[in-house]
Amino acid sequence: MGRVLLRAIGVSKSFAGVQALSAATFELRAGEVHALIGENGAGKSTLIRIITGAVQPDDGVVELDGAPITHNSPARARALGIAAIYQQPALFAELSVAENIALVLEPPKQWGRVDWRGRRRRAQELLGRIGAHIDPDAEAGELSMPEQQLVEIARALGADARVLILDEPTASLSEEDARRLFRVIHDLRGHGVGVIYISHRLEELRLIADRVTVLRDGRTVGTRAISEAANADLIRMMVGRELSAVYPSKAGHTDSGETILELRGLGCTLNGVHDVDLTVRAGEIVGLAGLVGAGRTELARTIFGLDPADRGEIRLRGCPLRITTPSQAIAHGIAYVPEDRRRHGVVLEMAIGANITLASLDRLSHLGVLDTAQERDAAVDFTNRLRIRTPSIHSAVSTLSGGNQQKVALSRWLLTRPSLLILDDPTQGVDVGAKAEIHSIIADLAAEGVAILMISSELPEILGMSDRIAVMHAGTIVGVVNRSDATQESILALALGHGSGNAEAAPAEAS
């Protein structure tokens, strides 16, 4: 590692009476990957927004190459070579990939013709550097989340960033895309670029980071060489206490009851799901594993009526159903917490309380009039139960950290008291403390008799939480494995289209 490239000294910031940062410090060296970790609400996002000029600190200073950055703004930060890629892509959906890249890289012109051919060529070159096979003429809004994130990475590389900030960059990437990103980061390090890497995946940090700094409650707890920091130490620094287990001991050991959901040859031409056979019982957690693009989210959308099935059968407690809309699914006791919380899980502009009660307005109303006291009590109850960090249930969801937004999305559907709960990556982008709390809530719901279908991209989570694991490949379920028989290797082999698992209808299947 080289000289000190960027330094934050005694940085403080408060919002609406909440102290987001308190005399925080951070140091980044040239050619270093420096991980920044902490629970949701610890101050990571606020520190990054100060470094990038999005907000101004109440106190303290940020230095670049030993000189204070004065009158900072997003434009000034970009001009100084500071680029940030956030967990949720920030592209203009109606513009092409090449146009989105050009917005940052091309200087504004009052007059003159656009060099469309050169613009497309430049975009293709940058995408090629990270091995992304994306059409520069494709509309950004039509891309998947992983593809949008790759476009943002290419755009940052094109800006010749000296400081590159990556906020949960692999949250929506496949393992292959993540490895490609790590290779790009390794190449940048060799050219002296300093990388600030934010992630909740501690094992991932060991593959990419040199040092790690922990924030807790807005303060810098400490900085360690990643090679000298055990996971238990980092968790203790983040949460201020011992965290004995991320997965509750009762997870994966639930005695299941009657069959709640049964899928027979289910298919949907619209999204490519086909020939799916699966059961989920009361009190059971069925993990749904598979690689990106295997059809996991598509299956969830079909069950919930977002992409209605046109083949096969959905049975709920033995009764065949035709679900063509989400409202029908909700009426039958099915709840769905989607993967992309900002687009589909919460309404960012609405208050936290209104978000939590949005799917339960019928139950909270009498003769068409909303019982505001009952609504407030329900919102306060779930805010406390899920430890949503906010000064008020009347605050907009947009003011919350990503993990707390996820808790709001989960609260909304728990309030409906579902008999079947579908969770699509419920702990994506959530810190270890909140992850343990969400896992405990899921296990408690199963213990209360809720049937749970949980999609996860993290194999340890699938193995730690599931009673049985259904693996998808190319739009269908290729195997169902009991928790006691499952290993990461066996699940991955099925996800890749190799190996075999117990057929769902096999009489020898264990509960």
Protein backbone atom coordinates (compact mmCIF):
# COMPACT_ATOMS: atom_id res chain seq x y z
CA MET A 1 0.00 0.00 0.00
CA GLY A 2 1.15 3.52 -0.80
CA ARG A 3 0.70 7.01 0.60
CA VAL A 4 -2.41 8.21 2.41
CA LEU A 5 -4.80 9.16 -0.37
CA LEU A 6 -7.93 10.19 1.51
CA ARG A 7 -8.55 10.92 5.17
CA ALA A 8 -11.66 11.85 7.17
CA ILE A 9 -10.83 13.52 10.49
CA GLY A 10 -13.32 14.12 13.32
CA VAL A 11 -16.35 14.11 11.00
CA SER A 12 -19.74 14.69 12.66
CA LYS A 13 -23.24 14.99 11.21
CA SER A 14 -26.78 14.98 12.61
CA PHE A 15 -30.17 14.77 10.89
CA ALA A 16 -33.38 15.89 12.59
CA GLY A 17 -31.85 15.44 16.03
CA VAL A 18 -30.35 12.01 15.26
CA GLN A 19 -26.54 11.93 15.48
CA ALA A 20 -25.50 9.97 12.38
CA LEU A 21 -21.73 10.55 12.82
CA SER A 22 -19.78 11.62 15.87
CA ALA A 23 -16.11 12.55 15.37
CA ALA A 24 -15.62 9.64 12.97
CA THR A 25 -12.22 9.01 11.39
CA PHE A 26 -11.21 7.02 8.33
CA GLU A 27 -8.06 6.64 6.23
CA LEU A 28 -7.56 5.25 2.72
CA ARG A 29 -4.19 4.59 1.11
CA ALA A 30 -3.35 4.47 -2.57
CA GLY A 31 -3.55 0.92 -3.91
CA GLU A 32 -5.55 -0.26 -0.89
CA VAL A 33 -8.94 -1.91 -0.57
CA HIS A 34 -10.24 -0.65 2.76
CA ALA A 35 -13.47 -2.26 4.02
CA LEU A 36 -15.95 -0.08 5.90
CA ILE A 37 -18.40 -2.12 7.97
CA GLY A 38 -20.99 -1.68 10.68
CA GLU A 39 -24.64 -2.33 11.43
CA ASN A 40 -27.31 -0.53 9.42
CA GLY A 41 -27.54 2.96 10.85
CA ALA A 42 -23.92 2.89 12.07
CA GLY A 43 -23.06 5.89 9.85
CA LYS A 44 -21.44 4.25 6.82
CA SER A 45 -23.76 5.83 4.26
CA THR A 46 -23.50 9.26 5.89
CA LEU A 47 -19.70 9.14 5.82
CA ILE A 48 -19.75 8.15 2.15
CA ARG A 49 -22.20 10.92 1.30
CA ILE A 50 -19.89 13.42 2.99
CA ILE A 51 -16.86 12.14 1.08
CA THR A 52 -18.77 12.37 -2.21
CA GLY A 53 -20.09 15.86 -1.43
CA ALA A 54 -23.75 14.88 -1.26
CA VAL A 55 -24.03 16.33 2.27
CA GLN A 56 -21.85 18.71 4.26
CA PRO A 57 -20.45 17.74 7.68
CA ASP A 58 -21.36 19.68 10.80
CA ASP A 59 -17.78 19.35 11.95
CA GLY A 60 -14.51 17.77 10.83
CA VAL A 61 -12.66 17.69 7.53
CA VAL A 62 -12.05 15.39 4.57
CA GLU A 63 -8.61 15.53 2.97
CA LEU A 64 -7.42 14.32 -0.43
CA ASP A 65 -3.66 13.98 -0.83
CA GLY A 66 -3.24 15.93 2.41
CA ALA A 67 -5.27 18.94 1.27
CA PRO A 68 -8.74 19.68 2.72
CA ILE A 69 -11.61 19.36 0.26
CA THR A 70 -13.43 22.69 0.55
CA HIS A 71 -16.89 23.51 -0.82
CA ASN A 72 -17.37 19.87 -1.68
CA SER A 73 -20.21 18.81 -3.96
CA PRO A 74 -20.92 15.75 -6.12
CA ALA A 75 -19.54 17.56 -9.17
CA ARG A 76 -16.39 18.64 -7.33
CA ALA A 77 -15.85 15.18 -5.88
CA ARG A 78 -16.12 13.64 -9.36
CA ALA A 79 -13.67 16.22 -10.72
CA LEU A 80 -11.23 15.24 -7.96
CA GLY A 81 -11.50 11.59 -8.97
CA ILE A 82 -13.92 10.33 -6.30
CA ALA A 83 -16.54 7.94 -7.70
CA ALA A 84 -19.22 6.01 -5.84
CA ILE A 85 -21.31 3.02 -6.85
CA TYR A 86 -24.23 2.44 -4.55
CA GLN A 87 -26.11 -0.76 -3.71
CA GLN A 88 -29.13 0.39 -5.72
CA PRO A 89 -28.17 1.42 -9.28
CA ALA A 90 -28.79 5.08 -10.14
CA LEU A 91 -29.31 4.98 -13.89
CA PHE A 92 -31.83 6.85 -16.02
CA ALA A 93 -34.20 4.06 -17.01
CA GLU A 94 -35.37 5.66 -20.27
CA LEU A 95 -31.84 6.28 -21.60
CA SER A 96 -29.58 3.73 -23.26
CA VAL A 97 -26.56 2.21 -21.57
CA ALA A 98 -24.24 4.33 -23.73
CA GLU A 99 -26.16 7.50 -22.86
CA ASN A 100 -26.01 6.76 -19.13
CA ILE A 101 -22.25 6.28 -19.34
CA ALA A 102 -21.83 9.43 -21.44
CA LEU A 103 -23.71 11.59 -18.92
CA VAL A 104 -20.76 11.36 -16.55
CA LEU A 105 -17.87 11.02 -18.99
CA GLU A 106 -18.68 13.60 -21.68
CA PRO A 107 -18.30 17.31 -20.92
CA PRO A 108 -21.48 19.36 -21.44
CA LYS A 109 -21.79 21.03 -24.84
CA GLN A 110 -23.96 24.00 -25.70
CA TRP A 111 -23.63 23.35 -29.41
CA GLY A 112 -22.32 20.55 -31.55
CA ARG A 113 -23.35 17.13 -32.79
CA VAL A 114 -23.27 13.99 -30.69
CA ASP A 115 -20.70 11.43 -31.79
CA TRP A 116 -23.05 8.47 -31.41
CA ARG A 117 -20.63 5.99 -32.91
CA GLY A 118 -17.82 7.11 -30.58
CA ARG A 119 -20.19 7.10 -27.60
CA ARG A 120 -21.24 3.50 -28.27
CA ARG A 121 -17.64 2.44 -28.88
CA ARG A 122 -16.51 4.01 -25.59
CA ALA A 123 -19.33 2.26 -23.70
CA GLN A 124 -18.47 -1.07 -25.33
CA GLU A 125 -14.80 -0.70 -24.37
CA LEU A 126 -15.62 0.04 -20.73
CA LEU A 127 -18.11 -2.81 -20.47
CA GLY A 128 -15.54 -5.08 -22.08
CA ARG A 129 -12.98 -4.18 -19.40
CA ILE A 130 -15.18 -5.84 -16.78
CA GLY A 131 -16.34 -8.63 -19.07
CA ALA A 132 -19.96 -7.44 -19.19
CA HIS A 133 -21.81 -8.57 -22.32
CA ILE A 134 -24.35 -5.74 -22.41
CA ASP A 135 -25.62 -3.98 -25.53
CA PRO A 136 -24.70 -0.25 -25.34
CA ASP A 137 -27.97 0.55 -27.13
CA ALA A 138 -30.09 -1.34 -24.59
CA GLU A 139 -32.47 0.75 -22.50
CA ALA A 140 -31.15 0.89 -18.92
CA GLY A 141 -34.60 0.28 -17.43
CA GLU A 142 -34.81 -3.07 -19.22
CA LEU A 143 -31.63 -4.40 -17.63
CA SER A 144 -31.58 -6.66 -14.60
CA MET A 145 -30.23 -5.33 -11.32
CA PRO A 146 -26.85 -7.10 -11.79
CA GLU A 147 -26.55 -5.65 -15.29
CA GLN A 148 -27.38 -2.14 -14.08
CA GLN A 149 -24.71 -2.41 -11.42
CA LEU A 150 -22.15 -3.51 -13.99
CA VAL A 151 -22.99 -0.45 -16.09
CA GLU A 152 -22.34 1.77 -13.07
CA ILE A 153 -19.01 0.06 -12.47
CA ALA A 154 -18.03 0.63 -16.11
CA ARG A 155 -19.05 4.28 -15.83
CA ALA A 156 -16.90 4.77 -12.75
CA LEU A 157 -13.92 3.13 -14.43
CA GLY A 158 -14.31 5.46 -17.38
CA ALA A 159 -14.08 8.48 -15.07
CA ASP A 160 -10.52 7.42 -14.09
CA ALA A 161 -11.42 7.44 -10.44
CA ARG A 162 -8.61 7.75 -7.88
CA VAL A 163 -10.97 6.86 -5.05
CA LEU A 164 -13.62 4.26 -5.86
CA ILE A 165 -16.40 3.65 -3.33
CA LEU A 166 -18.33 0.39 -3.67
CA ASP A 167 -21.46 0.03 -1.53
CA GLU A 168 -22.54 -3.65 -1.35
CA PRO A 169 -21.39 -4.17 -4.96
CA THR A 170 -21.95 -7.93 -5.03
CA ALA A 171 -25.40 -7.94 -3.41
CA SER A 172 -27.10 -8.51 -6.78
CA LEU A 173 -24.26 -10.22 -8.64
CA SER A 174 -23.82 -13.88 -9.43
CA GLU A 175 -20.68 -15.62 -8.20
CA GLU A 176 -19.17 -15.34 -11.67
CA ASP A 177 -19.91 -11.60 -11.86
CA ALA A 178 -18.52 -11.13 -8.33
CA ARG A 179 -15.27 -12.87 -9.28
CA ARG A 180 -15.05 -10.64 -12.35
CA LEU A 181 -15.51 -7.58 -10.15
CA PHE A 182 -12.76 -8.77 -7.80
CA ARG A 183 -10.41 -9.08 -10.76
CA VAL A 184 -11.22 -5.52 -11.82
CA ILE A 185 -10.60 -4.26 -8.28
CA HIS A 186 -7.28 -6.11 -8.17
CA ASP A 187 -6.29 -4.42 -11.43
CA LEU A 188 -7.26 -0.99 -10.07
CA ARG A 189 -5.18 -1.54 -6.96
CA GLY A 190 -2.17 -2.14 -9.15
CA HIS A 191 -2.71 1.29 -10.69
CA GLY A 192 -2.79 3.04 -7.31
CA VAL A 193 -6.55 3.46 -7.00
CA GLY A 194 -7.86 3.43 -3.43
CA VAL A 195 -11.07 1.44 -2.94
CA ILE A 196 -13.53 1.88 -0.08
CA TYR A 197 -15.50 -1.38 0.05
CA ILE A 198 -18.74 -1.60 2.02
CA SER A 199 -20.16 -5.08 2.57
CA HIS A 200 -21.95 -7.13 5.21
CA ARG A 201 -20.40 -10.35 3.90
CA LEU A 202 -17.41 -10.83 6.17
CA GLU A 203 -16.01 -13.81 4.26
CA GLU A 204 -16.10 -11.73 1.08
CA LEU A 205 -13.93 -9.09 2.73
CA ARG A 206 -11.19 -11.64 3.29
CA LEU A 207 -11.00 -12.19 -0.45
CA ILE A 208 -10.64 -8.54 -1.37
CA ALA A 209 -9.77 -6.18 1.53
CA ASP A 210 -6.45 -5.16 3.08
CA ARG A 211 -7.80 -3.35 6.12
CA VAL A 212 -11.18 -2.96 7.78
CA THR A 213 -12.65 -0.07 9.77
CA VAL A 214 -15.71 -0.60 11.98
CA LEU A 215 -18.33 2.07 12.69
CA ARG A 216 -20.85 1.76 15.51
CA ASP A 217 -23.45 4.37 16.46
CA GLY A 218 -21.68 6.94 14.30
CA ARG A 219 -18.27 6.48 15.90
CA THR A 220 -15.12 4.78 14.65
CA VAL A 221 -14.59 1.73 16.84
CA GLY A 222 -11.27 0.71 15.30
CA THR A 223 -9.23 -0.27 12.25
CA ARG A 224 -7.59 -3.67 11.77
CA ALA A 225 -5.62 -5.51 9.13
CA ILE A 226 -8.13 -7.97 7.69
CA SER A 227 -5.65 -10.82 8.14
CA GLU A 228 -5.52 -10.11 11.88
CA ALA A 229 -9.27 -9.71 12.51
CA ALA A 230 -11.36 -12.77 13.32
CA ASN A 231 -15.04 -12.69 12.39
CA ALA A 232 -16.05 -12.93 16.04
CA ASP A 233 -13.96 -9.84 16.82
CA LEU A 234 -15.46 -7.86 13.94
CA ILE A 235 -19.01 -8.83 14.94
CA ARG A 236 -18.32 -7.83 18.54
CA MET A 237 -16.95 -4.47 17.35
CA MET A 238 -20.02 -3.90 15.13
CA VAL A 239 -22.77 -4.81 17.57
CA GLY A 240 -21.05 -4.07 20.88
CA ARG A 241 -21.85 -7.52 22.20
CA GLU A 242 -21.20 -11.19 21.55
CA LEU A 243 -23.28 -12.64 18.73
CA SER A 244 -23.31 -16.35 19.45
CA ALA A 245 -25.14 -17.39 16.30
CA VAL A 246 -26.44 -15.79 13.13
CA TYR A 247 -28.90 -18.67 12.72
CA PRO A 248 -31.28 -19.57 15.57
CA SER A 249 -30.78 -23.04 16.96
CA LYS A 250 -34.36 -24.07 16.18
CA ALA A 251 -34.01 -23.15 12.51
CA GLY A 252 -33.95 -26.23 10.31
CA HIS A 253 -35.42 -28.42 13.06
CA THR A 254 -39.10 -27.53 12.97
CA ASP A 255 -41.79 -30.20 13.17
CA SER A 256 -43.99 -29.36 10.20
CA GLY A 257 -47.74 -29.89 9.97
CA GLU A 258 -50.33 -29.96 7.21
CA THR A 259 -49.41 -29.10 3.64
CA ILE A 260 -50.19 -25.41 3.08
CA LEU A 261 -48.85 -24.93 -0.47
CA GLU A 262 -48.69 -27.55 -3.18
CA LEU A 263 -47.51 -26.87 -6.73
CA ARG A 264 -48.23 -29.45 -9.42
CA GLY A 265 -46.55 -29.02 -12.80
CA LEU A 266 -46.72 -25.25 -12.39
CA GLY A 267 -45.63 -23.15 -15.35
CA CYS A 268 -45.74 -19.60 -16.67
CA THR A 269 -44.86 -18.90 -20.29
CA LEU A 270 -44.33 -15.22 -19.51
CA ASN A 271 -41.35 -15.74 -17.19
CA GLY A 272 -40.02 -19.18 -18.18
CA VAL A 273 -41.05 -21.14 -15.07
CA HIS A 274 -42.10 -24.66 -16.03
CA ASP A 275 -43.01 -28.08 -14.58
CA VAL A 276 -42.55 -27.07 -10.94
CA ASP A 277 -43.60 -29.58 -8.27
CA LEU A 278 -43.21 -28.44 -4.66
CA THR A 279 -44.87 -28.58 -1.24
CA VAL A 280 -44.47 -26.29 1.77
CA ARG A 281 -45.99 -27.36 5.08
CA ALA A 282 -47.20 -25.42 8.08
CA GLY A 283 -44.28 -24.63 10.39
CA GLU A 284 -41.73 -25.48 7.70
CA ILE A 285 -39.01 -23.32 6.14
CA VAL A 286 -38.29 -24.42 2.58
CA GLY A 287 -35.21 -22.77 1.15
CA LEU A 288 -35.23 -22.04 -2.59
CA ALA A 289 -31.69 -22.09 -3.96
CA GLY A 290 -30.23 -21.61 -7.43
CA LEU A 291 -27.99 -19.37 -9.47
CA VAL A 292 -29.00 -15.92 -10.74
CA GLY A 293 -31.43 -16.46 -13.61
CA ALA A 294 -32.52 -19.92 -12.45
CA GLY A 295 -36.12 -18.77 -12.00
CA ARG A 296 -36.41 -18.39 -8.22
CA THR A 297 -37.90 -14.88 -8.22
CA GLU A 298 -40.03 -15.78 -11.23
CA LEU A 299 -41.54 -18.71 -9.33
CA ALA A 300 -42.35 -16.42 -6.39
CA ARG A 301 -44.02 -13.93 -8.75
CA THR A 302 -46.11 -16.71 -10.28
CA ILE A 303 -47.33 -17.99 -6.91
CA PHE A 304 -48.22 -14.41 -5.86
CA GLY A 305 -50.12 -13.67 -9.09
CA LEU A 306 -47.73 -11.07 -10.50
CA ASP A 307 -47.00 -13.39 -13.45
CA PRO A 308 -50.04 -15.69 -13.43
CA ALA A 309 -49.54 -19.38 -14.13
CA ASP A 310 -50.85 -20.70 -17.43
CA ARG A 311 -50.02 -24.35 -16.77
CA GLY A 312 -50.24 -26.68 -13.80
CA GLU A 313 -51.93 -26.11 -10.48
CA ILE A 314 -51.57 -24.17 -7.22
CA ARG A 315 -53.22 -25.76 -4.19
CA LEU A 316 -53.63 -24.09 -0.82
CA ARG A 317 -54.54 -26.50 1.99
CA GLY A 318 -55.57 -29.00 -0.67
CA CYS A 319 -57.90 -26.65 -2.53
CA PRO A 320 -56.98 -25.71 -6.12
CA LEU A 321 -56.66 -21.96 -6.70
CA ARG A 322 -56.29 -19.75 -9.72
CA ILE A 323 -54.29 -16.73 -8.62
CA THR A 324 -54.13 -14.00 -11.25
CA THR A 325 -53.53 -10.93 -9.07
CA PRO A 326 -51.63 -10.15 -5.86
CA SER A 327 -54.90 -9.10 -4.20
CA GLN A 328 -56.22 -12.64 -4.68
CA ALA A 329 -53.02 -14.05 -3.18
CA ILE A 330 -53.29 -11.74 -0.16
CA ALA A 331 -56.94 -12.68 0.33
CA HIS A 332 -55.89 -16.34 0.55
CA GLY A 333 -53.22 -15.62 3.18
CA ILE A 334 -50.16 -15.46 0.91
CA ALA A 335 -47.57 -12.73 1.54
CA TYR A 336 -44.54 -11.87 -0.58
CA VAL A 337 -41.52 -9.77 0.43
CA PRO A 338 -39.79 -9.01 -2.90
CA GLU A 339 -36.09 -8.87 -3.64
CA ASP A 340 -35.84 -5.23 -4.79
CA ARG A 341 -37.14 -3.42 -1.74
CA ARG A 342 -36.72 0.11 -3.15
CA ARG A 343 -38.76 -0.61 -6.29
CA HIS A 344 -41.29 -3.12 -4.99
CA GLY A 345 -40.92 -3.57 -1.23
CA VAL A 346 -41.56 -0.08 0.15
CA VAL A 347 -42.94 3.29 -0.94
CA LEU A 348 -39.99 5.55 -0.23
CA GLU A 349 -41.94 8.82 -0.05
CA MET A 350 -44.51 7.47 2.41
CA ALA A 351 -44.14 7.40 6.18
CA ILE A 352 -42.82 4.30 7.93
CA GLY A 353 -46.13 3.71 9.69
CA ALA A 354 -48.15 3.99 6.48
CA ASN A 355 -45.79 1.55 4.75
CA ILE A 356 -46.13 -1.02 7.53
CA THR A 357 -49.94 -0.97 7.46
CA LEU A 358 -50.40 -0.63 3.67
CA ALA A 359 -51.36 -4.27 3.07
CA SER A 360 -53.67 -4.44 6.11
CA LEU A 361 -55.92 -1.42 5.61
CA ASP A 362 -59.08 -3.56 5.38
CA ARG A 363 -58.39 -5.07 8.80
CA LEU A 364 -57.55 -1.66 10.30
CA SER A 365 -60.69 0.01 8.96
CA HIS A 366 -64.34 0.04 9.99
CA LEU A 367 -67.06 0.91 7.47
CA GLY A 368 -64.40 2.26 5.14
CA VAL A 369 -62.83 4.56 7.76
CA LEU A 370 -59.26 3.90 8.85
CA ASP A 371 -58.77 3.49 12.60
CA THR A 372 -55.72 5.74 12.94
CA ALA A 373 -55.10 4.75 16.56
CA GLN A 374 -55.02 1.06 15.64
CA GLU A 375 -52.81 1.87 12.65
CA ARG A 376 -50.39 3.78 14.87
CA ASP A 377 -50.27 0.99 17.47
CA ALA A 378 -49.55 -1.63 14.81
CA ALA A 379 -46.79 0.49 13.26
CA VAL A 380 -45.18 1.19 16.64
CA ASP A 381 -45.37 -2.49 17.58
CA PHE A 382 -43.52 -3.67 14.48
CA THR A 383 -41.05 -0.79 14.60
CA ASN A 384 -40.10 -1.96 18.09
CA ARG A 385 -40.20 -5.69 17.32
CA LEU A 386 -37.87 -5.40 14.34
CA ARG A 387 -35.75 -2.65 15.92
CA ILE A 388 -36.25 -0.20 13.07
CA ARG A 389 -33.94 2.72 13.78
CA THR A 390 -35.98 5.89 13.32
CA PRO A 391 -36.90 8.94 15.40
CA SER A 392 -40.58 8.56 14.40
CA ILE A 393 -42.98 6.27 12.53
CA HIS A 394 -43.98 9.43 10.66
CA SER A 395 -40.54 9.75 9.02
CA ALA A 396 -40.34 8.86 5.31
CA VAL A 397 -38.93 5.42 4.52
CA SER A 398 -36.40 7.15 2.23
CA THR A 399 -34.64 8.47 5.37
CA LEU A 400 -33.83 4.94 6.56
CA SER A 401 -30.77 2.84 5.84
CA GLY A 402 -31.15 -0.09 3.45
CA GLY A 403 -31.44 -2.66 6.21
CA ASN A 404 -34.12 -0.72 8.03
CA GLN A 405 -36.05 -0.33 4.77
CA GLN A 406 -35.97 -4.12 4.48
CA LYS A 407 -37.38 -4.41 8.00
CA VAL A 408 -40.26 -2.10 7.03
CA ALA A 409 -40.98 -4.28 3.98
CA LEU A 410 -40.99 -7.38 6.17
CA SER A 411 -43.21 -5.72 8.79
CA ARG A 412 -45.86 -4.88 6.21
CA TRP A 413 -46.42 -8.52 5.35
CA LEU A 414 -46.07 -9.89 8.87
CA LEU A 415 -48.94 -7.62 9.86
CA THR A 416 -51.21 -9.46 7.39
CA ARG A 417 -50.78 -12.64 9.46
CA PRO A 418 -50.08 -14.86 6.45
CA SER A 419 -50.34 -18.63 6.37
CA LEU A 420 -47.72 -18.70 3.57
CA LEU A 421 -44.84 -16.23 3.59
CA ILE A 422 -42.58 -15.95 0.53
CA LEU A 423 -39.27 -14.21 1.23
CA ASP A 424 -36.98 -13.22 -1.64
CA ASP A 425 -33.46 -12.62 -0.26
CA PRO A 426 -34.87 -11.19 3.01
CA THR A 427 -31.45 -10.30 4.45
CA GLN A 428 -29.81 -8.90 1.33
CA GLY A 429 -27.75 -5.86 2.31
CA VAL A 430 -28.56 -6.31 6.02
CA ASP A 431 -25.89 -6.20 8.72
CA VAL A 432 -25.07 -9.23 10.86
CA GLY A 433 -26.97 -7.99 13.90
CA ALA A 434 -30.15 -7.27 11.96
CA LYS A 435 -29.67 -10.49 10.00
CA ALA A 436 -29.71 -12.51 13.22
CA GLU A 437 -32.87 -10.69 14.33
CA ILE A 438 -34.64 -11.35 11.01
CA HIS A 439 -33.59 -15.00 11.11
CA SER A 440 -34.99 -15.26 14.63
CA ILE A 441 -38.28 -13.69 13.49
CA ILE A 442 -38.50 -16.14 10.57
CA ALA A 443 -37.86 -19.10 12.89
CA ASP A 444 -40.48 -17.82 15.34
CA LEU A 445 -43.03 -17.50 12.53
CA ALA A 446 -42.35 -21.09 11.51
CA ALA A 447 -42.76 -22.18 15.12
CA GLU A 448 -46.16 -20.45 15.10
CA GLY A 449 -47.20 -22.56 12.10
CA VAL A 450 -46.52 -20.22 9.18
CA ALA A 451 -45.34 -21.98 6.02
CA ILE A 452 -42.27 -20.20 4.69
CA LEU A 453 -40.70 -20.31 1.24
CA MET A 454 -37.35 -18.49 1.49
CA ILE A 455 -35.26 -17.58 -1.54
CA SER A 456 -31.62 -16.80 -0.79
CA SER A 457 -28.46 -16.28 -2.81
CA GLU A 458 -26.33 -17.15 0.23
CA LEU A 459 -25.77 -20.87 0.66
CA PRO A 460 -24.88 -20.59 4.38
CA GLU A 461 -28.24 -18.90 4.95
CA ILE A 462 -30.08 -21.58 2.98
CA LEU A 463 -28.31 -24.34 4.93
CA GLY A 464 -28.69 -22.63 8.29
CA MET A 465 -32.39 -21.76 8.03
CA SER A 466 -34.10 -24.44 5.95
CA ASP A 467 -35.87 -27.68 6.83
CA ARG A 468 -35.70 -28.69 3.19
CA ILE A 469 -33.94 -27.10 0.24
CA ALA A 470 -35.46 -26.96 -3.26
CA VAL A 471 -32.92 -26.18 -5.97
CA MET A 472 -33.87 -24.48 -9.25
CA HIS A 473 -32.08 -24.66 -12.58
CA ALA A 474 -33.29 -23.33 -15.93
CA GLY A 475 -36.77 -22.47 -14.70
CA THR A 476 -37.68 -25.64 -12.82
CA ILE A 477 -36.91 -27.48 -9.58
CA VAL A 478 -34.24 -30.10 -10.19
CA GLY A 479 -34.03 -31.50 -6.69
CA VAL A 480 -35.31 -31.23 -3.11
CA VAL A 481 -32.82 -32.06 -0.36
CA ASN A 482 -33.40 -32.56 3.36
CA ARG A 483 -31.39 -30.26 5.60
CA SER A 484 -29.56 -33.18 7.20
CA ASP A 485 -28.33 -34.37 3.80
CA ALA A 486 -27.47 -30.97 2.31
CA THR A 487 -24.00 -29.54 1.79
CA GLN A 488 -22.84 -26.47 -0.07
CA GLU A 489 -21.26 -28.74 -2.67
CA SER A 490 -24.41 -30.80 -3.26
CA ILE A 491 -26.64 -27.71 -3.53
CA LEU A 492 -24.23 -26.00 -5.93
CA ALA A 493 -23.98 -29.13 -8.07
CA LEU A 494 -27.77 -29.18 -8.46
CA ALA A 495 -27.84 -25.44 -9.19
CA LEU A 496 -25.32 -25.97 -11.98
CA GLY A 497 -27.46 -28.74 -13.47
CA HIS A 498 -25.35 -31.62 -12.16
CA GLY A 499 -26.15 -34.25 -9.57
CA SER A 500 -29.60 -35.24 -8.39
CA GLY A 501 -31.87 -34.54 -5.44
CA ASN A 502 -34.88 -36.26 -3.91
CA ALA A 503 -37.91 -35.78 -6.14
CA GLU A 504 -40.65 -33.78 -4.43
CA ALA A 505 -43.21 -36.53 -4.94
CA ALA A 506 -40.96 -39.32 -3.73
CA PRO A 507 -42.63 -41.28 -0.93
CA ALA A 508 -39.33 -41.56 0.93
CA GLU A 509 -39.12 -37.79 1.34
CA ALA A 510 -38.56 -36.79 4.95
CA SER A 511 -40.48 -34.05 6.68
